[in-house]
């Protein structure tokens, strides 16, 4: 699994908790419009909704993809 390097000086790419919209939990990277960043792991767990395909996760991002879009990389599902 690829993770972009963390930038400790500018804080552009950060580890954070999020709720991800994903019909299937097979992907390792997600467009920014599918990711809702949360304040904590508990907040992500409270806001998840499996019926609506919204799953809690720890992610790293945002990062610019080679196509120019902003993406988040999955670290692990909560």
N, C-alpha and C. Protein backbone atom coordinates (compact mmCIF):
# COMPACT_ATOMS: atom_id res chain seq x y z
N UNK A 1 0.85 -1.17 0.00
CA UNK A 1 0.00 0.00 0.00
C UNK A 1 0.89 1.24 0.00
N UNK A 2 0.65 2.15 -0.93
CA UNK A 2 1.44 3.37 -1.04
C UNK A 2 0.88 4.44 -0.13
N UNK A 3 1.75 5.12 0.61
CA UNK A 3 1.37 6.30 1.39
C UNK A 3 2.32 7.42 1.00
N UNK A 4 1.80 8.60 0.69
CA UNK A 4 2.69 9.71 0.37
C UNK A 4 3.51 10.09 1.59
N UNK A 5 4.70 10.61 1.38
CA UNK A 5 5.51 11.01 2.54
C UNK A 5 4.84 12.14 3.31
N UNK A 6 4.95 12.07 4.64
CA UNK A 6 4.41 13.13 5.48
C UNK A 6 5.30 14.34 5.41
N UNK A 7 4.71 15.51 5.28
CA UNK A 7 5.46 16.75 5.20
C UNK A 7 5.37 17.44 6.55
N UNK A 8 6.39 17.30 7.37
CA UNK A 8 6.34 17.81 8.74
C UNK A 8 6.45 19.33 8.82
N UNK A 9 6.92 19.96 7.75
CA UNK A 9 7.08 21.42 7.79
C UNK A 9 5.83 22.17 7.35
N UNK A 10 5.14 21.67 6.34
CA UNK A 10 3.99 22.41 5.83
C UNK A 10 2.65 21.82 6.25
N UNK A 11 2.64 20.58 6.72
CA UNK A 11 1.42 19.91 7.17
C UNK A 11 0.38 19.80 6.06
N UNK A 12 0.84 19.64 4.81
CA UNK A 12 -0.10 19.48 3.71
C UNK A 12 -0.72 18.09 3.71
N UNK A 13 0.07 17.08 3.98
CA UNK A 13 -0.43 15.71 4.04
C UNK A 13 -0.43 15.30 5.51
N UNK A 14 -1.61 15.02 6.03
CA UNK A 14 -1.75 14.70 7.46
C UNK A 14 -2.52 13.40 7.63
N UNK A 15 -2.25 12.71 8.71
CA UNK A 15 -3.09 11.59 9.11
C UNK A 15 -4.29 12.17 9.85
N UNK A 16 -5.47 11.65 9.53
CA UNK A 16 -6.67 12.13 10.20
C UNK A 16 -7.74 11.04 10.15
N UNK A 17 -8.80 11.25 10.92
CA UNK A 17 -9.93 10.35 10.91
C UNK A 17 -10.98 10.92 9.99
N UNK A 18 -11.74 10.03 9.36
CA UNK A 18 -12.72 10.48 8.38
C UNK A 18 -13.84 9.46 8.24
N UNK A 19 -14.89 9.90 7.58
CA UNK A 19 -15.95 9.01 7.12
C UNK A 19 -15.86 9.03 5.61
N UNK A 20 -15.77 7.85 5.02
CA UNK A 20 -15.58 7.72 3.58
C UNK A 20 -16.82 7.12 2.95
N UNK A 21 -17.30 7.76 1.89
CA UNK A 21 -18.36 7.16 1.09
C UNK A 21 -17.71 6.21 0.11
N UNK A 22 -18.07 4.93 0.20
CA UNK A 22 -17.50 3.93 -0.69
C UNK A 22 -18.46 2.75 -0.77
N UNK A 23 -19.06 2.49 -1.95
CA UNK A 23 -19.96 1.35 -2.07
C UNK A 23 -19.30 0.02 -1.69
N UNK A 24 -17.99 -0.10 -1.94
CA UNK A 24 -17.25 -1.31 -1.56
C UNK A 24 -15.97 -0.88 -0.86
N UNK A 25 -15.56 -1.61 0.14
CA UNK A 25 -14.38 -1.25 0.93
C UNK A 25 -13.12 -1.90 0.37
N UNK A 26 -12.93 -1.86 -0.92
CA UNK A 26 -11.77 -2.49 -1.56
C UNK A 26 -10.69 -1.50 -1.97
N UNK A 27 -11.03 -0.26 -2.11
CA UNK A 27 -10.08 0.72 -2.62
C UNK A 27 -9.10 1.16 -1.54
N UNK A 28 -7.97 1.71 -1.99
CA UNK A 28 -6.94 2.20 -1.07
C UNK A 28 -6.78 3.71 -1.15
N UNK A 29 -7.41 4.34 -2.15
CA UNK A 29 -7.36 5.80 -2.24
C UNK A 29 -8.73 6.30 -2.70
N UNK A 30 -9.07 7.51 -2.23
CA UNK A 30 -10.41 8.03 -2.44
C UNK A 30 -10.35 9.50 -2.83
N UNK A 31 -11.19 9.93 -3.77
CA UNK A 31 -11.24 11.35 -4.10
C UNK A 31 -11.73 12.16 -2.90
N UNK A 32 -11.25 13.38 -2.81
CA UNK A 32 -11.58 14.23 -1.65
C UNK A 32 -13.08 14.43 -1.49
N UNK A 33 -13.85 14.40 -2.57
CA UNK A 33 -15.29 14.62 -2.43
C UNK A 33 -16.01 13.42 -1.82
N UNK A 34 -15.32 12.30 -1.61
CA UNK A 34 -15.89 11.13 -0.94
C UNK A 34 -15.45 11.02 0.52
N UNK A 35 -14.65 11.97 0.97
CA UNK A 35 -14.05 11.91 2.31
C UNK A 35 -14.52 13.10 3.14
N UNK A 36 -15.07 12.80 4.32
CA UNK A 36 -15.45 13.85 5.27
C UNK A 36 -14.54 13.72 6.48
N UNK A 37 -13.64 14.68 6.64
CA UNK A 37 -12.67 14.65 7.74
C UNK A 37 -13.40 14.90 9.06
N UNK A 38 -13.03 14.12 10.08
CA UNK A 38 -13.64 14.21 11.40
C UNK A 38 -12.59 14.62 12.44
N UNK A 39 -13.05 15.13 13.55
CA UNK A 39 -12.16 15.61 14.61
C UNK A 39 -11.47 14.47 15.35
N UNK A 40 -12.10 13.29 15.40
CA UNK A 40 -11.53 12.17 16.17
C UNK A 40 -12.05 10.85 15.63
N UNK A 41 -11.47 9.78 16.14
CA UNK A 41 -11.95 8.45 15.75
C UNK A 41 -13.38 8.23 16.26
N UNK A 42 -13.68 8.74 17.45
CA UNK A 42 -15.05 8.59 17.99
C UNK A 42 -16.07 9.33 17.13
N UNK A 43 -15.72 10.52 16.65
CA UNK A 43 -16.62 11.27 15.78
C UNK A 43 -16.86 10.51 14.48
N UNK A 44 -15.81 9.91 13.94
CA UNK A 44 -15.96 9.13 12.70
C UNK A 44 -16.86 7.92 12.93
N UNK A 45 -16.67 7.25 14.06
CA UNK A 45 -17.51 6.09 14.38
C UNK A 45 -18.97 6.48 14.56
N UNK A 46 -19.21 7.64 15.17
CA UNK A 46 -20.59 8.10 15.39
C UNK A 46 -21.29 8.50 14.09
N UNK A 47 -20.54 8.99 13.12
CA UNK A 47 -21.14 9.50 11.88
C UNK A 47 -21.21 8.46 10.76
N UNK A 48 -20.70 7.27 11.00
CA UNK A 48 -20.74 6.26 9.94
C UNK A 48 -22.17 5.76 9.75
N UNK A 49 -22.45 5.27 8.55
CA UNK A 49 -23.77 4.75 8.21
C UNK A 49 -23.58 3.70 7.12
N UNK A 50 -23.48 2.45 7.53
CA UNK A 50 -23.20 1.38 6.57
C UNK A 50 -24.29 1.26 5.52
N UNK A 51 -25.54 1.54 5.86
CA UNK A 51 -26.64 1.46 4.89
C UNK A 51 -26.44 2.48 3.77
N UNK A 52 -25.80 3.61 4.08
CA UNK A 52 -25.52 4.65 3.09
C UNK A 52 -24.09 4.54 2.55
N UNK A 53 -23.40 3.45 2.86
CA UNK A 53 -22.02 3.20 2.39
C UNK A 53 -21.03 4.25 2.90
N UNK A 54 -21.22 4.70 4.14
CA UNK A 54 -20.31 5.69 4.77
C UNK A 54 -19.60 4.99 5.93
N UNK A 55 -18.29 4.77 5.76
CA UNK A 55 -17.51 3.97 6.69
C UNK A 55 -16.43 4.81 7.38
N UNK A 56 -16.17 4.54 8.68
CA UNK A 56 -15.14 5.27 9.41
C UNK A 56 -13.75 4.71 9.06
N UNK A 57 -12.76 5.61 8.99
CA UNK A 57 -11.41 5.19 8.63
C UNK A 57 -10.38 6.18 9.13
N UNK A 58 -9.13 5.74 9.14
CA UNK A 58 -8.00 6.63 9.34
C UNK A 58 -7.36 6.78 7.97
N UNK A 59 -7.13 8.03 7.57
CA UNK A 59 -6.63 8.32 6.23
C UNK A 59 -5.44 9.26 6.29
N UNK A 60 -4.75 9.39 5.16
CA UNK A 60 -3.67 10.34 5.02
C UNK A 60 -3.98 11.19 3.79
N UNK A 61 -3.88 12.51 3.97
CA UNK A 61 -4.17 13.39 2.84
C UNK A 61 -4.52 14.77 3.30
N UNK A 62 -4.96 15.61 2.43
CA UNK A 62 -5.11 15.36 0.99
C UNK A 62 -3.77 15.44 0.28
N UNK A 63 -3.72 14.75 -0.84
CA UNK A 63 -2.53 14.73 -1.67
C UNK A 63 -2.98 14.88 -3.12
N UNK A 64 -2.18 15.53 -3.93
CA UNK A 64 -2.53 15.70 -5.34
C UNK A 64 -2.12 14.46 -6.11
N UNK A 65 -3.07 13.88 -6.84
CA UNK A 65 -2.77 12.69 -7.64
C UNK A 65 -2.06 13.10 -8.93
N UNK A 66 -1.57 12.12 -9.67
CA UNK A 66 -0.91 12.41 -10.94
C UNK A 66 -1.88 12.99 -11.96
N UNK A 67 -3.18 12.77 -11.75
CA UNK A 67 -4.19 13.34 -12.64
C UNK A 67 -4.59 14.76 -12.23
N UNK A 68 -4.07 15.21 -11.09
CA UNK A 68 -4.35 16.57 -10.64
C UNK A 68 -5.49 16.71 -9.66
N UNK A 69 -6.15 15.62 -9.29
CA UNK A 69 -7.24 15.72 -8.33
C UNK A 69 -6.70 15.48 -6.92
N UNK A 70 -7.45 15.92 -5.93
CA UNK A 70 -7.06 15.74 -4.53
C UNK A 70 -7.61 14.40 -4.04
N UNK A 71 -6.74 13.61 -3.39
CA UNK A 71 -7.13 12.30 -2.93
C UNK A 71 -6.65 12.06 -1.49
N UNK A 72 -7.27 11.09 -0.85
CA UNK A 72 -6.88 10.63 0.47
C UNK A 72 -6.51 9.15 0.35
N UNK A 73 -5.48 8.73 1.09
CA UNK A 73 -5.04 7.35 1.11
C UNK A 73 -5.54 6.68 2.39
N UNK A 74 -6.08 5.50 2.24
CA UNK A 74 -6.57 4.73 3.38
C UNK A 74 -5.39 4.20 4.19
N UNK A 75 -5.40 4.44 5.49
CA UNK A 75 -4.44 3.80 6.39
C UNK A 75 -5.07 2.52 6.92
N UNK A 76 -6.27 2.64 7.49
CA UNK A 76 -7.04 1.45 7.89
C UNK A 76 -8.47 1.86 8.19
N UNK A 77 -9.36 0.87 8.05
CA UNK A 77 -10.76 1.07 8.43
C UNK A 77 -10.87 0.95 9.94
N UNK A 78 -11.76 1.71 10.54
CA UNK A 78 -11.98 1.62 11.99
C UNK A 78 -13.00 0.54 12.31
